[in-house]
Amino acid sequence: MSEIRDLSLYESGERKIEWVRSNMCLLNSVREEFERDKPFEGLRIALSIHLEAKTAYLCRVLAAGGAQMYITGSNPLSTQDDVAAALVHDGLNVFAWHGATAEEYERHIRKVIEAKPNIIIDDGGDLVNMIHTNYPELIENVIGGCEETTTGIIRLIAMNKAKELKFPMALVNNARCKYLFDNRYGTGQSVWDGINRTTNLIVAGKNVVVAGYGWCGKGVAMRAKGLGASVIVTEIDPVKAMEAVMDGFKVMKMEQAAAIGDLFVTVTGCKDVITENSFRVMKDGAILCNAGHFDCEVSVARLRELAESSYNARNNIEGFVMPDGRRLFVIGEGRLVNLAAGDGHPAEIMDMSFAIQALTAAYLVKNKAALNRAPGDMINAVPEEIDNEVARRKLAFWGVEIDELTPEQKEYLNSWSV
């Protein structure tokens, strides 16, 4: 019942999954627990995350816990067909392929939802949105879900505020072991992996414009600085802008940065961050890419309307010729550059994020009666004990030991007297 490109590709996908498995010590330990305890026995999990090797190993870990897995990607350009084939060869249900049209992508989302999931693991909110808008009769089957990324959380909070969110969702992205490492170090490295392998150009000496100075933006700016770029940050939040200044970066409006930037990276979670006004003043040869979840931060559709012509400048880079002869270049169609043009975050980083996903999903099942369920109160934090357990395990695998509070210190910290 799966829908993938080519099952014969599975051996290549298997090698990719084995490589990341050998570098994901946390998920390996979780898998051992799941194989023993079977927390998902008899349950169906619908998962929509960028479908590459690390996600595939998470799927196998969940399946080891007894789950029936129904899997799709969360971006048409991030699915790796050989990895999808490896999962199907392993007996899991996959509906995804690289380069899916909008219609195919939606059909694959529908196929996963039509499996009547009990747990939803989402990246960007497409599964949650689909079940609420098109399959409300299936909501009663859902125990709860986990959201992986900032953009998805923005959507969830809006739904919850409007009292339209009908089942509990855990905000995995807000766990410290997620955003402090995945968003900052993972995004910081993988964005530049994608840019560098696609452009084959030097970063040193260039003006790099980073739109957004959240945790992801901090990581992108930090790595750009390390590669020798002169970094400009654009922001709407005055506190984050002040942070960027004190971190040593120039801060200005996009309309100013547009005229001097050589390479632009959007990482805001918003739309229309780089638009017509910027396109009209950019340098000849400016390169644009996006590291936010959806392909609406760089207004590629408007750029296409403004340009006299476009051409394939290099694999995964489209060149747009403006009426005055300037050429502007877009990487990966303006989709997530670290996955559309790369392999995503390093395995050791996703090890932490996916360990939190797996343990939180098990927590939802075990504690379903205690979850927030009132209208307008469907948002659940990842329990602090899960966050701390992931950190403790990671430190142990690194061979790092830390201090513990004595009983007297605990008493002191919980007392108002000296």
Protein backbone atom coordinates (compact mmCIF):
# COMPACT_ATOMS: atom_id res chain seq x y z
CA MET A 1 0.00 0.00 0.00
CA SER A 2 3.06 2.29 0.07
CA GLU A 3 3.72 4.91 -2.61
CA ILE A 4 7.42 5.42 -3.32
CA ARG A 5 9.56 5.91 -6.42
CA ASP A 6 11.54 2.69 -6.65
CA LEU A 7 11.82 -0.18 -4.17
CA SER A 8 15.02 -1.40 -5.86
CA LEU A 9 16.88 1.60 -4.36
CA TYR A 10 16.62 0.13 -0.85
CA GLU A 11 20.24 -1.05 -0.54
CA SER A 12 21.57 2.51 -0.91
CA GLY A 13 19.04 3.73 1.65
CA GLU A 14 19.98 0.92 4.01
CA ARG A 15 23.63 2.00 3.96
CA LYS A 16 22.61 5.58 4.81
CA ILE A 17 20.44 4.44 7.70
CA GLU A 18 23.17 2.18 9.06
CA TRP A 19 25.66 5.06 8.98
CA VAL A 20 23.46 7.34 11.08
CA ARG A 21 22.42 4.47 13.39
CA SER A 22 26.06 3.97 14.33
CA ASN A 23 26.23 7.66 15.31
CA MET A 24 22.94 7.94 17.22
CA CYS A 25 23.74 6.52 20.64
CA LEU A 26 20.67 8.01 22.33
CA LEU A 27 18.20 6.51 19.88
CA ASN A 28 19.98 3.18 20.17
CA SER A 29 19.40 3.21 23.92
CA VAL A 30 15.76 4.22 23.45
CA ARG A 31 15.33 1.41 20.94
CA GLU A 32 16.52 -1.14 23.50
CA GLU A 33 13.91 0.14 25.97
CA PHE A 34 11.15 0.15 23.36
CA GLU A 35 11.96 -3.39 22.24
CA ARG A 36 11.57 -4.49 25.86
CA ASP A 37 8.54 -2.43 26.93
CA LYS A 38 6.55 -2.09 23.66
CA PRO A 39 4.93 1.28 24.60
CA PHE A 40 3.14 1.55 21.22
CA GLU A 41 1.81 -2.00 20.95
CA GLY A 42 -1.36 -1.97 18.86
CA LEU A 43 -1.10 1.75 18.07
CA ARG A 44 -0.72 3.57 14.76
CA ILE A 45 1.76 6.45 14.44
CA ALA A 46 1.51 8.96 11.60
CA LEU A 47 4.79 10.75 10.99
CA SER A 48 5.62 13.68 8.71
CA ILE A 49 9.25 14.73 9.03
CA HIS A 50 11.91 15.35 6.37
CA LEU A 51 12.35 11.83 5.06
CA GLU A 52 16.05 11.10 5.10
CA ALA A 53 18.24 8.60 6.97
CA LYS A 54 17.98 10.02 10.49
CA THR A 55 14.20 10.23 10.29
CA ALA A 56 14.15 6.69 8.94
CA TYR A 57 16.01 5.44 11.98
CA LEU A 58 13.53 7.22 14.27
CA CYS A 59 10.76 5.37 12.41
CA ARG A 60 12.49 2.06 13.06
CA VAL A 61 12.87 2.88 16.74
CA LEU A 62 9.15 3.66 17.01
CA ALA A 63 8.32 0.46 15.13
CA ALA A 64 10.53 -1.46 17.56
CA GLY A 65 8.21 -0.15 20.27
CA GLY A 66 5.28 -1.90 18.61
CA ALA A 67 3.95 0.95 16.48
CA GLN A 68 2.40 0.51 13.06
CA MET A 69 4.18 3.28 11.16
CA TYR A 70 2.61 5.44 8.44
CA ILE A 71 5.26 7.80 7.09
CA THR A 72 5.47 10.74 4.73
CA GLY A 73 7.86 13.64 4.19
CA SER A 74 7.35 17.22 5.29
CA ASN A 75 8.90 18.81 2.20
CA PRO A 76 8.83 17.57 -1.43
CA LEU A 77 12.55 18.22 -1.96
CA SER A 78 13.86 16.68 1.27
CA THR A 79 12.62 13.13 0.69
CA GLN A 80 15.38 10.71 -0.30
CA ASP A 81 13.92 7.96 -2.47
CA ASP A 82 16.46 5.31 -1.49
CA VAL A 83 15.74 5.88 2.21
CA ALA A 84 12.00 5.61 1.58
CA ALA A 85 12.64 2.34 -0.26
CA ALA A 86 14.65 0.96 2.66
CA LEU A 87 11.76 1.60 5.05
CA VAL A 88 9.26 -0.08 2.75
CA HIS A 89 11.64 -3.04 2.32
CA ASP A 90 11.66 -3.22 6.11
CA GLY A 91 7.85 -3.53 6.17
CA LEU A 92 6.88 0.05 7.08
CA ASN A 93 4.24 2.08 5.23
CA VAL A 94 5.68 5.04 3.32
CA PHE A 95 3.96 7.59 1.09
CA ALA A 96 6.54 10.01 -0.27
CA TRP A 97 8.94 10.67 -3.09
CA HIS A 98 11.43 13.34 -4.03
CA GLY A 99 10.09 16.17 -6.15
CA ALA A 100 6.41 15.52 -5.43
CA THR A 101 4.00 17.98 -6.98
CA ALA A 102 1.69 19.91 -4.67
CA GLU A 103 -1.10 17.46 -5.53
CA GLU A 104 1.10 14.41 -4.87
CA TYR A 105 2.39 15.85 -1.61
CA GLU A 106 -1.17 16.43 -0.40
CA ARG A 107 -2.22 12.93 -1.46
CA HIS A 108 0.62 11.44 0.55
CA ILE A 109 -0.41 13.44 3.62
CA ARG A 110 -3.96 12.18 3.16
CA LYS A 111 -2.80 8.56 2.87
CA VAL A 112 -1.05 8.82 6.23
CA ILE A 113 -4.06 10.42 7.92
CA GLU A 114 -6.45 7.86 6.44
CA ALA A 115 -4.61 5.19 8.45
CA LYS A 116 -6.52 6.55 11.49
CA PRO A 117 -3.47 7.41 13.61
CA ASN A 118 -3.37 7.32 17.40
CA ILE A 119 -0.18 9.40 17.66
CA ILE A 120 0.92 12.18 15.29
CA ILE A 121 4.55 13.25 14.91
CA ASP A 122 4.64 16.40 12.80
CA ASP A 123 7.20 18.79 11.37
CA GLY A 124 5.55 22.02 10.28
CA GLY A 125 1.96 21.13 11.10
CA ASP A 126 0.71 19.61 7.85
CA LEU A 127 -0.61 16.41 9.46
CA VAL A 128 -2.38 18.30 12.23
CA ASN A 129 -3.86 20.76 9.76
CA MET A 130 -5.04 18.01 7.41
CA ILE A 131 -6.80 15.92 10.04
CA HIS A 132 -8.58 18.98 11.47
CA THR A 133 -9.70 20.40 8.15
CA ASN A 134 -10.43 17.28 6.11
CA TYR A 135 -10.84 14.36 8.51
CA PRO A 136 -12.48 15.67 11.70
CA GLU A 137 -14.17 12.30 12.17
CA LEU A 138 -10.74 10.73 12.81
CA ILE A 139 -9.75 13.15 15.58
CA GLU A 140 -11.32 10.94 18.25
CA ASN A 141 -8.69 8.27 17.50
CA VAL A 142 -5.79 10.62 18.33
CA ILE A 143 -4.23 10.37 21.80
CA GLY A 144 -1.94 13.29 21.07
CA GLY A 145 1.04 14.40 19.05
CA CYS A 146 4.49 15.97 18.94
CA GLU A 147 5.58 19.00 16.90
CA GLU A 148 9.20 19.17 15.78
CA THR A 149 9.76 22.71 14.55
CA THR A 150 9.19 26.42 15.21
CA THR A 151 6.87 26.96 12.25
CA GLY A 152 4.62 24.12 13.35
CA ILE A 153 4.45 25.50 16.87
CA ILE A 154 3.39 28.91 15.53
CA ARG A 155 0.50 27.17 13.75
CA LEU A 156 -0.41 25.10 16.81
CA ILE A 157 -0.47 28.11 19.12
CA ALA A 158 -2.77 29.93 16.69
CA MET A 159 -5.08 26.91 16.50
CA ASN A 160 -5.09 26.51 20.26
CA LYS A 161 -5.81 30.19 20.85
CA ALA A 162 -8.78 29.94 18.48
CA LYS A 163 -9.89 26.78 20.35
CA GLU A 164 -9.63 24.82 17.10
CA LEU A 165 -6.96 22.37 18.26
CA LYS A 166 -8.87 19.25 19.25
CA PHE A 167 -6.20 16.97 20.75
CA PRO A 168 -3.12 17.44 22.95
CA MET A 169 0.15 18.41 21.27
CA ALA A 170 3.59 18.40 22.89
CA LEU A 171 5.94 21.18 21.77
CA VAL A 172 9.12 19.19 21.17
CA ASN A 173 10.82 22.20 19.58
CA ASN A 174 10.61 24.03 22.91
CA ALA A 175 12.56 21.38 24.80
CA ARG A 176 16.02 22.68 25.72
CA CYS A 177 17.78 19.64 24.25
CA LYS A 178 16.05 20.46 20.98
CA TYR A 179 16.29 24.19 20.36
CA LEU A 180 19.64 24.82 22.05
CA PHE A 181 21.37 22.23 19.88
CA ASP A 182 19.24 21.25 16.88
CA ASN A 183 18.17 24.81 16.06
CA ARG A 184 21.50 26.48 16.79
CA TYR A 185 24.27 23.98 16.03
CA GLY A 186 22.31 21.73 13.69
CA THR A 187 20.88 24.50 11.53
CA GLY A 188 24.11 26.48 11.72
CA GLN A 189 26.16 23.63 10.25
CA SER A 190 23.67 22.04 7.86
CA VAL A 191 22.67 25.32 6.19
CA TRP A 192 26.27 26.01 5.26
CA ASP A 193 26.81 22.39 4.23
CA GLY A 194 23.93 22.83 1.78
CA ILE A 195 25.06 26.22 0.50
CA ASN A 196 28.70 25.27 0.09
CA ARG A 197 28.14 21.96 -1.67
CA THR A 198 25.61 23.58 -4.03
CA THR A 199 27.43 26.80 -4.94
CA ASN A 200 31.09 25.72 -4.66
CA LEU A 201 31.86 29.34 -3.76
CA ILE A 202 33.89 30.79 -0.90
CA VAL A 203 32.07 32.41 2.01
CA ALA A 204 35.01 34.39 3.37
CA GLY A 205 34.88 38.05 2.41
CA LYS A 206 31.22 38.02 1.42
CA ASN A 207 28.40 40.06 2.97
CA VAL A 208 26.00 37.45 4.35
CA VAL A 209 22.52 38.64 5.32
CA VAL A 210 20.74 36.49 7.90
CA ALA A 211 17.04 37.30 8.26
CA GLY A 212 15.93 36.36 11.76
CA TYR A 213 17.98 36.00 14.94
CA GLY A 214 16.17 33.24 16.77
CA TRP A 215 18.09 30.13 17.74
CA CYS A 216 18.35 29.00 14.12
CA GLY A 217 19.44 32.44 12.96
CA LYS A 218 22.04 32.57 15.71
CA GLY A 219 23.50 29.31 14.46
CA VAL A 220 23.57 30.42 10.82
CA ALA A 221 25.17 33.78 11.70
CA MET A 222 27.74 32.17 14.00
CA ARG A 223 28.87 29.71 11.32
CA ALA A 224 28.96 32.45 8.65
CA LYS A 225 31.22 34.49 10.91
CA GLY A 226 33.43 31.46 11.42
CA LEU A 227 33.70 31.01 7.65
CA GLY A 228 34.99 34.58 7.32
CA ALA A 229 31.86 36.42 6.21
CA SER A 230 30.81 39.91 7.20
CA VAL A 231 27.40 39.19 8.73
CA ILE A 232 24.34 41.44 8.64
CA VAL A 233 21.26 40.51 10.66
CA THR A 234 17.72 41.73 9.98
CA GLU A 235 15.11 41.46 12.73
CA ILE A 236 11.68 42.65 13.87
CA ASP A 237 12.25 41.89 17.56
CA PRO A 238 14.15 44.72 19.31
CA VAL A 239 15.59 42.42 21.97
CA LYS A 240 16.90 39.92 19.42
CA ALA A 241 18.28 42.80 17.36
CA MET A 242 20.11 44.07 20.42
CA GLU A 243 21.47 40.57 21.01
CA ALA A 244 22.80 40.47 17.45
CA VAL A 245 24.54 43.82 17.90
CA MET A 246 26.18 42.66 21.14
CA ASP A 247 27.20 39.40 19.45
CA GLY A 248 29.22 41.54 17.02
CA PHE A 249 26.92 41.64 13.97
CA LYS A 250 25.61 44.57 11.96
CA VAL A 251 21.85 45.01 12.23
CA MET A 252 19.76 46.89 9.69
CA LYS A 253 16.49 46.78 7.79
CA MET A 254 16.19 44.35 4.89
CA GLU A 255 15.74 47.23 2.44
CA GLN A 256 19.23 48.46 3.44
CA ALA A 257 20.83 45.02 3.59
CA ALA A 258 19.40 44.04 0.20
CA ALA A 259 21.64 46.48 -1.63
CA ILE A 260 24.90 45.24 -0.09
CA GLY A 261 24.35 41.54 0.55
CA ASP A 262 26.10 38.85 -1.50
CA LEU A 263 24.30 35.89 0.04
CA PHE A 264 20.94 35.89 1.84
CA VAL A 265 19.58 33.29 4.26
CA THR A 266 16.04 33.65 5.62
CA VAL A 267 15.27 31.83 8.86
CA THR A 268 12.20 33.52 10.35
CA GLY A 269 9.18 31.21 10.11
CA CYS A 270 7.28 34.08 8.49
CA LYS A 271 6.40 34.87 4.86
CA ASP A 272 7.46 37.57 2.38
CA VAL A 273 10.74 38.31 4.16
CA ILE A 274 12.58 39.04 0.90
CA THR A 275 10.25 40.63 -1.63
CA GLU A 276 10.08 42.85 -4.70
CA ASN A 277 11.61 45.91 -3.05
CA SER A 278 14.70 43.87 -2.22
CA PHE A 279 14.94 42.16 -5.62
CA ARG A 280 15.02 45.55 -7.35
CA VAL A 281 18.17 46.73 -5.52
CA MET A 282 20.20 43.54 -5.12
CA LYS A 283 23.64 43.16 -6.62
CA ASP A 284 24.22 41.24 -9.82
CA GLY A 285 25.02 37.69 -8.71
CA ALA A 286 23.28 37.81 -5.34
CA ILE A 287 22.39 34.36 -4.01
CA LEU A 288 19.20 33.73 -2.02
CA CYS A 289 18.16 30.75 0.06
CA ASN A 290 15.77 29.86 2.84
CA ALA A 291 16.28 27.91 6.06
CA GLY A 292 12.73 28.34 7.38
CA HIS A 293 10.22 25.52 7.09
CA PHE A 294 7.96 26.76 4.27
CA ASP A 295 9.01 28.09 0.87
CA CYS A 296 7.38 31.49 1.33
CA GLU A 297 10.13 33.49 3.07
CA VAL A 298 11.83 34.35 -0.22
CA SER A 299 9.05 35.45 -2.60
CA VAL A 300 10.22 33.27 -5.48
CA ALA A 301 6.88 33.52 -7.28
CA ARG A 302 7.17 37.31 -7.40
CA LEU A 303 10.80 37.10 -8.48
CA ARG A 304 9.73 34.87 -11.35
CA GLU A 305 7.16 37.47 -12.40
CA LEU A 306 9.71 40.29 -12.28
CA ALA A 307 12.44 38.42 -14.18
CA GLU A 308 12.67 38.49 -17.97
CA SER A 309 13.82 34.88 -17.98
CA SER A 310 15.19 32.12 -15.80
CA TYR A 311 17.62 29.27 -16.36
CA ASN A 312 19.28 26.34 -14.63
CA ALA A 313 22.52 27.95 -13.47
CA ARG A 314 23.81 24.88 -11.63
CA ASN A 315 22.28 21.78 -10.11
CA ASN A 316 19.68 23.01 -7.58
CA ILE A 317 20.32 26.69 -8.42
CA GLU A 318 17.95 28.70 -10.61
CA GLY A 319 19.12 31.94 -12.15
CA PHE A 320 16.73 34.83 -12.76
CA VAL A 321 17.63 37.51 -15.33
CA MET A 322 16.17 40.88 -14.38
CA PRO A 323 15.15 43.53 -16.96
CA ASP A 324 18.34 45.52 -16.29
CA GLY A 325 20.54 42.47 -16.87
CA ARG A 326 21.25 41.63 -13.24
CA ARG A 327 21.19 37.93 -12.32
CA LEU A 328 19.75 36.74 -9.02
CA PHE A 329 20.14 33.12 -7.94
CA VAL A 330 17.87 30.97 -5.76
CA ILE A 331 19.00 27.71 -4.18
CA GLY A 332 16.60 24.77 -3.88
CA GLU A 333 13.51 26.63 -5.12
CA GLY A 334 13.52 28.68 -1.90
CA ARG A 335 12.80 25.55 0.14
CA LEU A 336 14.76 24.45 3.21
CA VAL A 337 18.31 24.77 1.93
CA ASN A 338 19.87 22.34 4.39
CA LEU A 339 17.58 19.55 3.17
CA ALA A 340 16.69 20.61 -0.38
CA ALA A 341 20.41 21.00 -1.08
CA GLY A 342 21.94 18.79 1.62
CA ASP A 343 21.42 15.94 4.07
CA GLY A 344 20.02 17.98 6.94
CA HIS A 345 21.41 18.23 10.45
CA PRO A 346 24.30 16.04 11.61
CA ALA A 347 23.33 12.65 13.03
CA GLU A 348 24.62 13.43 16.53
CA ILE A 349 22.37 16.51 16.70
CA MET A 350 19.23 14.75 15.46
CA ASP A 351 20.00 11.99 17.95
CA MET A 352 18.95 14.38 20.72
CA SER A 353 15.91 15.78 18.91
CA PHE A 354 14.59 12.39 17.89
CA ALA A 355 15.25 10.86 21.31
CA ILE A 356 12.98 13.59 22.70
CA GLN A 357 10.40 12.83 19.99
CA ALA A 358 10.40 9.11 20.79
CA LEU A 359 10.32 9.49 24.57
CA THR A 360 7.63 12.18 24.42
CA ALA A 361 5.44 10.02 22.19
CA ALA A 362 5.74 7.22 24.73
CA TYR A 363 4.91 9.70 27.50
CA LEU A 364 1.74 10.77 25.69
CA VAL A 365 0.54 7.17 25.56
CA LYS A 366 1.40 6.40 29.17
CA ASN A 367 -0.08 9.64 30.54
CA LYS A 368 -2.99 10.20 28.16
CA ALA A 369 -5.48 10.64 30.99
CA ALA A 370 -3.47 13.50 32.52
CA LEU A 371 -2.85 15.56 29.36
CA ASN A 372 -4.29 19.03 28.85
CA ARG A 373 -7.52 18.52 26.91
CA ALA A 374 -9.76 21.53 27.52
CA PRO A 375 -10.61 23.73 24.48
CA GLY A 376 -7.89 26.36 24.22
CA ASP A 377 -5.65 24.32 26.51
CA MET A 378 -4.32 21.56 24.26
CA ILE A 379 -0.65 22.63 24.38
CA ASN A 380 1.65 20.46 26.47
CA ALA A 381 5.31 21.05 27.30
CA VAL A 382 7.84 18.26 27.03
CA PRO A 383 8.29 17.09 30.65
CA GLU A 384 11.49 18.42 32.19
CA GLU A 385 12.48 14.90 33.21
CA ILE A 386 12.61 13.84 29.55
CA ASP A 387 14.75 16.85 28.65
CA ASN A 388 17.13 16.18 31.55
CA GLU A 389 17.26 12.44 30.88
CA VAL A 390 18.30 13.04 27.27
CA ALA A 391 21.03 15.44 28.46
CA ARG A 392 22.27 13.01 31.12
CA ARG A 393 22.47 10.16 28.63
CA LYS A 394 24.29 12.29 26.07
CA LEU A 395 26.86 13.38 28.66
CA ALA A 396 27.34 9.76 29.73
CA PHE A 397 27.99 8.70 26.14
CA TRP A 398 30.58 11.49 25.93
CA GLY A 399 32.18 10.27 29.15
CA VAL A 400 31.36 13.55 30.94
CA GLU A 401 30.40 13.67 34.61
CA ILE A 402 28.78 16.62 36.37
CA ASP A 403 28.14 17.59 39.99
CA GLU A 404 24.92 17.00 41.89
CA LEU A 405 23.31 19.13 44.56
CA THR A 406 23.75 17.93 48.11
CA PRO A 407 20.62 17.65 50.31
CA GLU A 408 21.74 20.80 52.10
CA GLN A 409 22.09 22.70 48.81
CA LYS A 410 18.62 21.59 47.69
CA GLU A 411 17.20 22.78 50.98
CA TYR A 412 19.02 26.11 50.62
CA LEU A 413 17.69 26.67 47.09
CA ASN A 414 14.14 25.94 48.23
CA SER A 415 14.33 28.23 51.25
CA TRP A 416 13.77 31.96 51.49
CA SER A 417 16.04 32.36 54.50
CA VAL A 418 19.85 32.37 54.46
